[in-house]
C-alpha cells in the first residue's frame, strides 16, 4: 500500500508512507517511510529522511545514510553514514561513519572509517582502519593499517603490525613489531 504525498512505488508487496519516497521495480517486499528515501533492492526497511538503499535485506533508519549495491544484510542507524564499495553484513550505528570495502564490520560513534577490512569493530571517533581483519579499535584518532588480529584502545595510536595489543596514547607500532604489547604513552 502507498499513502502520503508524491511517493513512487514500482515494486510489488511493499508499504510506502510519507513524502517523495521512491521504490524501483526491484524493491519488492520493502517498507519505506519518511521523506525523500530511495529503495532499489528487495526486502529492505528504510525509514527517515534522504536515505538511499541500493542493497537487499537491509535496515536503514535516520538521515542521509547510503548503502551501495551488493551490501546485503547491512544495517545503518544514524545520520550521514555510508557503506560503499563491496562487502555485506555490515552494521553502523552513529554519524559520519564509513565502510568503503568490507564484510561483518561494526562501527559505532562518529567519523570512523573502514577502508578495507573484515570482521572488525570500531568504536569512538575518527578511527581509521585499512587492510586489516579481525581487529578491535576503541578510542579517538587511532590508525590501524595491515594489522590483523589487533586490539587498539586509546588516543592517537598507530598500529601497523599483526597480533598486537595497544592501549594508551600516541603509541607507534611498526610493521616489524608483530605480537607486541604497548601500554602507556609514546611507546
C-alpha atoms as a PDB file:
ATOM      1  CA  UNK A   1       0.000   0.000   0.000  1.00  0.00           C
ATOM      2  CA  UNK A   2       1.008   3.573  -0.664  1.00  0.00           C
ATOM      3  CA  UNK A   3      -0.016   6.645   1.314  1.00  0.00           C
ATOM      4  CA  UNK A   4       1.279  10.189   1.664  1.00  0.00           C
ATOM      5  CA  UNK A   5       2.397  12.690  -0.980  1.00  0.00           C
ATOM      6  CA  UNK A   6       4.304  12.139  -4.233  1.00  0.00           C
ATOM      7  CA  UNK A   7       5.520   8.619  -3.427  1.00  0.00           C
ATOM      8  CA  UNK A   8       6.564   6.443  -6.390  1.00  0.00           C
ATOM      9  CA  UNK A   9       6.198   2.688  -5.921  1.00  0.00           C
ATOM     10  CA  UNK A  10       7.067   0.462  -8.889  1.00  0.00           C
ATOM     11  CA  UNK A  11       7.559  -2.721  -6.824  1.00  0.00           C
ATOM     12  CA  UNK A  12       5.260  -5.490  -5.561  1.00  0.00           C
ATOM     13  CA  UNK A  13       4.356  -6.315  -1.948  1.00  0.00           C
ATOM     14  CA  UNK A  14       5.504  -3.010  -0.446  1.00  0.00           C
ATOM     15  CA  UNK A  15       4.444  -0.442   2.122  1.00  0.00           C
ATOM     16  CA  UNK A  16       5.275   3.202   1.418  1.00  0.00           C
ATOM     17  CA  UNK A  17       4.323   6.211   3.506  1.00  0.00           C
ATOM     18  CA  UNK A  18       5.462   9.780   3.791  1.00  0.00           C
ATOM     19  CA  UNK A  19       6.535  12.138   1.046  1.00  0.00           C
ATOM     20  CA  UNK A  20       8.674  11.899  -2.120  1.00  0.00           C
ATOM     21  CA  UNK A  21       9.865   8.325  -1.500  1.00  0.00           C
ATOM     22  CA  UNK A  22      10.871   6.133  -4.451  1.00  0.00           C
ATOM     23  CA  UNK A  23      10.824   2.347  -4.779  1.00  0.00           C
ATOM     24  CA  UNK A  24      12.092   0.880  -8.055  1.00  0.00           C
ATOM     25  CA  UNK A  25      10.610  -2.289  -9.551  1.00  0.00           C
ATOM     26  CA  UNK A  26      13.384  -4.357  -7.890  1.00  0.00           C
ATOM     27  CA  UNK A  27      12.402  -3.232  -4.370  1.00  0.00           C
ATOM     28  CA  UNK A  28       9.725  -5.891  -3.826  1.00  0.00           C
ATOM     29  CA  UNK A  29       8.840  -6.683  -0.243  1.00  0.00           C
ATOM     30  CA  UNK A  30      10.292  -3.424   1.092  1.00  0.00           C
ATOM     31  CA  UNK A  31       8.928  -0.971   3.643  1.00  0.00           C
ATOM     32  CA  UNK A  32       9.800   2.714   3.197  1.00  0.00           C
ATOM     33  CA  UNK A  33       8.635   5.665   5.272  1.00  0.00           C
ATOM     34  CA  UNK A  34       9.639   9.254   5.783  1.00  0.00           C
ATOM     35  CA  UNK A  35      10.780  11.839   3.259  1.00  0.00           C
ATOM     36  CA  UNK A  36      12.948  11.582   0.111  1.00  0.00           C
ATOM     37  CA  UNK A  37      14.098   7.971   0.612  1.00  0.00           C
ATOM     38  CA  UNK A  38      15.101   5.661  -2.246  1.00  0.00           C
ATOM     39  CA  UNK A  39      14.988   1.839  -2.220  1.00  0.00           C
ATOM     40  CA  UNK A  40      16.192  -0.122  -5.256  1.00  0.00           C
ATOM     41  CA  UNK A  41      16.530  -3.723  -3.972  1.00  0.00           C
ATOM     42  CA  UNK A  42      14.167  -6.234  -2.307  1.00  0.00           C
ATOM     43  CA  UNK A  43      13.265  -6.907   1.307  1.00  0.00           C
ATOM     44  CA  UNK A  44      14.575  -3.713   2.845  1.00  0.00           C
ATOM     45  CA  UNK A  45      13.344  -1.375   5.557  1.00  0.00           C
ATOM     46  CA  UNK A  46      14.168   2.298   5.013  1.00  0.00           C
ATOM     47  CA  UNK A  47      12.839   4.987   7.333  1.00  0.00           C
ATOM     48  CA  UNK A  48      13.826   8.606   7.861  1.00  0.00           C
ATOM     49  CA  UNK A  49      14.949  11.346   5.506  1.00  0.00           C
ATOM     50  CA  UNK A  50      17.194  11.331   2.400  1.00  0.00           C
ATOM     51  CA  UNK A  51      18.348   7.708   2.768  1.00  0.00           C
ATOM     52  CA  UNK A  52      19.482   5.715  -0.274  1.00  0.00           C
ATOM     53  CA  UNK A  53      19.349   1.929  -0.203  1.00  0.00           C
ATOM     54  CA  UNK A  54      20.820   0.031  -3.165  1.00  0.00           C
ATOM     55  CA  UNK A  55      21.222  -3.355  -1.406  1.00  0.00           C
ATOM     56  CA  UNK A  56      18.857  -6.173  -0.443  1.00  0.00           C
ATOM     57  CA  UNK A  57      17.861  -7.291   3.063  1.00  0.00           C
ATOM     58  CA  UNK A  58      18.883  -4.024   4.702  1.00  0.00           C
ATOM     59  CA  UNK A  59      17.724  -1.917   7.615  1.00  0.00           C
ATOM     60  CA  UNK A  60      18.305   1.831   7.304  1.00  0.00           C
ATOM     61  CA  UNK A  61      16.930   4.409   9.700  1.00  0.00           C
ATOM     62  CA  UNK A  62      17.962   8.014  10.120  1.00  0.00           C
ATOM     63  CA  UNK A  63      19.053  10.899   7.936  1.00  0.00           C
ATOM     64  CA  UNK A  64      21.169  10.845   4.747  1.00  0.00           C
ATOM     65  CA  UNK A  65      22.512   7.288   5.026  1.00  0.00           C
ATOM     66  CA  UNK A  66      23.709   5.371   1.952  1.00  0.00           C
ATOM     67  CA  UNK A  67      24.115   1.637   1.350  1.00  0.00           C
ATOM     68  CA  UNK A  68      25.655   0.660  -2.010  1.00  0.00           C
ATOM     69  CA  UNK A  69      24.637  -2.253  -4.185  1.00  0.00           C
ATOM     70  CA  UNK A  70      25.789  -5.674  -3.032  1.00  0.00           C
ATOM     71  CA  UNK A  71      25.906  -4.923   0.699  1.00  0.00           C
ATOM     72  CA  UNK A  72      23.064  -7.288   1.534  1.00  0.00           C
ATOM     73  CA  UNK A  73      22.180  -7.822   5.163  1.00  0.00           C
ATOM     74  CA  UNK A  74      23.562  -4.440   6.229  1.00  0.00           C
ATOM     75  CA  UNK A  75      22.084  -2.216   8.959  1.00  0.00           C
ATOM     76  CA  UNK A  76      22.686   1.518   9.257  1.00  0.00           C
ATOM     77  CA  UNK A  77      21.215   3.652  12.031  1.00  0.00           C
ATOM     78  CA  UNK A  78      22.055   7.328  12.500  1.00  0.00           C
ATOM     79  CA  UNK A  79      22.974  10.091  10.110  1.00  0.00           C
ATOM     80  CA  UNK A  80      25.391  10.752   7.260  1.00  0.00           C
ATOM     81  CA  UNK A  81      26.748   7.194   7.269  1.00  0.00           C
ATOM     82  CA  UNK A  82      27.883   5.344   4.144  1.00  0.00           C
ATOM     83  CA  UNK A  83      28.522   1.726   3.190  1.00  0.00           C
ATOM     84  CA  UNK A  84      30.242   1.770  -0.207  1.00  0.00           C
ATOM     85  CA  UNK A  85      32.395  -0.468  -2.419  1.00  0.00           C
ATOM     86  CA  UNK A  86      31.915  -4.193  -1.916  1.00  0.00           C
ATOM     87  CA  UNK A  87      31.028  -6.380   1.047  1.00  0.00           C
ATOM     88  CA  UNK A  88      27.998  -7.396   3.100  1.00  0.00           C
ATOM     89  CA  UNK A  89      26.545  -7.797   6.577  1.00  0.00           C
ATOM     90  CA  UNK A  90      27.969  -4.570   7.991  1.00  0.00           C
ATOM     91  CA  UNK A  91      26.463  -2.633  10.887  1.00  0.00           C
ATOM     92  CA  UNK A  92      26.794   1.096  11.571  1.00  0.00           C
ATOM     93  CA  UNK A  93      25.242   2.986  14.452  1.00  0.00           C
ATOM     94  CA  UNK A  94      26.427   6.590  14.642  1.00  0.00           C
ATOM     95  CA  UNK A  95      27.118   9.582  12.461  1.00  0.00           C
ATOM     96  CA  UNK A  96      29.548  10.165   9.591  1.00  0.00           C
ATOM     97  CA  UNK A  97      30.875   6.588   9.799  1.00  0.00           C
ATOM     98  CA  UNK A  98      32.025   4.955   6.544  1.00  0.00           C
ATOM     99  CA  UNK A  99      32.776   1.435   5.357  1.00  0.00           C
ATOM    100  CA  UNK A 100      34.431   1.561   1.946  1.00  0.00           C
ATOM    101  CA  UNK A 101      35.018  -2.180   1.436  1.00  0.00           C
ATOM    102  CA  UNK A 102      34.392  -4.977   3.894  1.00  0.00           C
ATOM    103  CA  UNK A 103      32.174  -7.627   5.438  1.00  0.00           C
ATOM    104  CA  UNK A 104      30.946  -8.165   9.014  1.00  0.00           C
ATOM    105  CA  UNK A 105      32.228  -4.833  10.352  1.00  0.00           C
ATOM    106  CA  UNK A 106      30.620  -2.982  13.268  1.00  0.00           C
ATOM    107  CA  UNK A 107      31.072   0.777  13.661  1.00  0.00           C
ATOM    108  CA  UNK A 108      29.643   2.948  16.399  1.00  0.00           C
ATOM    109  CA  UNK A 109      30.479   6.528  17.184  1.00  0.00           C
ATOM    110  CA  UNK A 110      31.390   9.345  14.847  1.00  0.00           C
ATOM    111  CA  UNK A 111      33.632   9.726  11.778  1.00  0.00           C
ATOM    112  CA  UNK A 112      35.103   6.210  11.929  1.00  0.00           C
ATOM    113  CA  UNK A 113      36.293   4.624   8.668  1.00  0.00           C
ATOM    114  CA  UNK A 114      36.996   1.101   7.458  1.00  0.00           C
ATOM    115  CA  UNK A 115      38.814   1.454   4.141  1.00  0.00           C
ATOM    116  CA  UNK A 116      39.329  -2.288   3.610  1.00  0.00           C
ATOM    117  CA  UNK A 117      38.674  -4.942   6.210  1.00  0.00           C
ATOM    118  CA  UNK A 118      36.501  -7.761   7.523  1.00  0.00           C
ATOM    119  CA  UNK A 119      35.244  -8.746  10.974  1.00  0.00           C
ATOM    120  CA  UNK A 120      36.340  -5.517  12.699  1.00  0.00           C
ATOM    121  CA  UNK A 121      34.825  -3.394  15.471  1.00  0.00           C
ATOM    122  CA  UNK A 122      35.449   0.358  15.629  1.00  0.00           C
ATOM    123  CA  UNK A 123      34.016   2.493  18.423  1.00  0.00           C
ATOM    124  CA  UNK A 124      34.732   6.104  19.253  1.00  0.00           C
ATOM    125  CA  UNK A 125      35.627   8.987  16.971  1.00  0.00           C
ATOM    126  CA  UNK A 126      37.858   9.484  13.935  1.00  0.00           C
ATOM    127  CA  UNK A 127      39.393   5.995  13.987  1.00  0.00           C
ATOM    128  CA  UNK A 128      40.690   4.701  10.631  1.00  0.00           C
ATOM    129  CA  UNK A 129      41.288   1.063   9.726  1.00  0.00           C
ATOM    130  CA  UNK A 130      42.814  -0.102   6.407  1.00  0.00           C
ATOM    131  CA  UNK A 131      43.747  -3.543   5.071  1.00  0.00           C
ATOM    132  CA  UNK A 132      43.019  -5.137   8.437  1.00  0.00           C
ATOM    133  CA  UNK A 133      40.839  -8.066   9.547  1.00  0.00           C
ATOM    134  CA  UNK A 134      39.587  -9.392  12.894  1.00  0.00           C
ATOM    135  CA  UNK A 135      40.537  -6.331  14.949  1.00  0.00           C
ATOM    136  CA  UNK A 136      39.053  -4.071  17.627  1.00  0.00           C
ATOM    137  CA  UNK A 137      39.718  -0.328  17.727  1.00  0.00           C
ATOM    138  CA  UNK A 138      38.278   1.840  20.504  1.00  0.00           C
ATOM    139  CA  UNK A 139      39.008   5.466  21.290  1.00  0.00           C
ATOM    140  CA  UNK A 140      39.863   8.570  19.344  1.00  0.00           C
ATOM    141  CA  UNK A 141      42.037   9.200  16.267  1.00  0.00           C
ATOM    142  CA  UNK A 142      43.638   5.746  16.162  1.00  0.00           C
ATOM    143  CA  UNK A 143      45.047   4.467  12.848  1.00  0.00           C
ATOM    144  CA  UNK A 144      45.386   0.756  12.103  1.00  0.00           C
ATOM    145  CA  UNK A 145      46.889  -0.496   8.823  1.00  0.00           C
ATOM    146  CA  UNK A 146      47.873  -4.077   7.876  1.00  0.00           C
ATOM    147  CA  UNK A 147      47.374  -5.135  11.486  1.00  0.00           C
ATOM    148  CA  UNK A 148      45.176  -8.227  11.577  1.00  0.00           C
ATOM    149  CA  UNK A 149      44.061  -9.552  14.958  1.00  0.00           C
ATOM    150  CA  UNK A 150      44.927  -6.264  16.672  1.00  0.00           C
ATOM    151  CA  UNK A 151      43.365  -4.610  19.716  1.00  0.00           C
ATOM    152  CA  UNK A 152      43.911  -0.847  19.903  1.00  0.00           C
ATOM    153  CA  UNK A 153      42.492   1.326  22.679  1.00  0.00           C
ATOM    154  CA  UNK A 154      43.133   4.978  23.478  1.00  0.00           C
ATOM    155  CA  UNK A 155      44.107   8.151  21.672  1.00  0.00           C
ATOM    156  CA  UNK A 156      46.295   8.807  18.597  1.00  0.00           C
ATOM    157  CA  UNK A 157      47.803   5.314  18.407  1.00  0.00           C
ATOM    158  CA  UNK A 158      49.213   3.950  15.145  1.00  0.00           C
ATOM    159  CA  UNK A 159      49.410   0.168  14.642  1.00  0.00           C
ATOM    160  CA  UNK A 160      50.909  -1.455  11.542  1.00  0.00           C
ATOM    161  CA  UNK A 161      51.695  -4.934  12.917  1.00  0.00           C
ATOM    162  CA  UNK A 162      49.716  -8.144  13.282  1.00  0.00           C
ATOM    163  CA  UNK A 163      48.501  -9.590  16.579  1.00  0.00           C
ATOM    164  CA  UNK A 164      49.185  -6.623  18.829  1.00  0.00           C
ATOM    165  CA  UNK A 165      47.680  -5.040  21.919  1.00  0.00           C
ATOM    166  CA  UNK A 166      47.978  -1.258  22.129  1.00  0.00           C
ATOM    167  CA  UNK A 167      46.480   0.789  24.968  1.00  0.00           C
ATOM    168  CA  UNK A 168      47.168   4.376  25.912  1.00  0.00           C
ATOM    169  CA  UNK A 169      48.127   7.375  23.847  1.00  0.00           C
ATOM    170  CA  UNK A 170      50.405   8.232  20.955  1.00  0.00           C
ATOM    171  CA  UNK A 171      51.943   4.761  20.651  1.00  0.00           C
ATOM    172  CA  UNK A 172      53.545   3.774  17.335  1.00  0.00           C
ATOM    173  CA  UNK A 173      53.744   0.079  16.442  1.00  0.00           C
ATOM    174  CA  UNK A 174      55.737  -0.524  13.248  1.00  0.00           C
ATOM    175  CA  UNK A 175      55.168  -3.311  10.747  1.00  0.00           C
ATOM    176  CA  UNK A 176      58.048  -5.422  12.166  1.00  0.00           C
ATOM    177  CA  UNK A 177      56.571  -5.463  15.681  1.00  0.00           C
ATOM    178  CA  UNK A 178      54.081  -8.344  15.411  1.00  0.00           C
ATOM    179  CA  UNK A 179      52.951  -9.937  18.691  1.00  0.00           C
ATOM    180  CA  UNK A 180      53.794  -6.735  20.612  1.00  0.00           C
ATOM    181  CA  UNK A 181      52.136  -5.143  23.615  1.00  0.00           C
ATOM    182  CA  UNK A 182      52.323  -1.374  24.142  1.00  0.00           C
ATOM    183  CA  UNK A 183      50.631   0.100  27.183  1.00  0.00           C
ATOM    184  CA  UNK A 184      51.133   3.690  28.219  1.00  0.00           C
ATOM    185  CA  UNK A 185      52.141   6.690  26.210  1.00  0.00           C
ATOM    186  CA  UNK A 186      54.730   7.250  23.441  1.00  0.00           C
ATOM    187  CA  UNK A 187      55.828   3.589  23.370  1.00  0.00           C
END
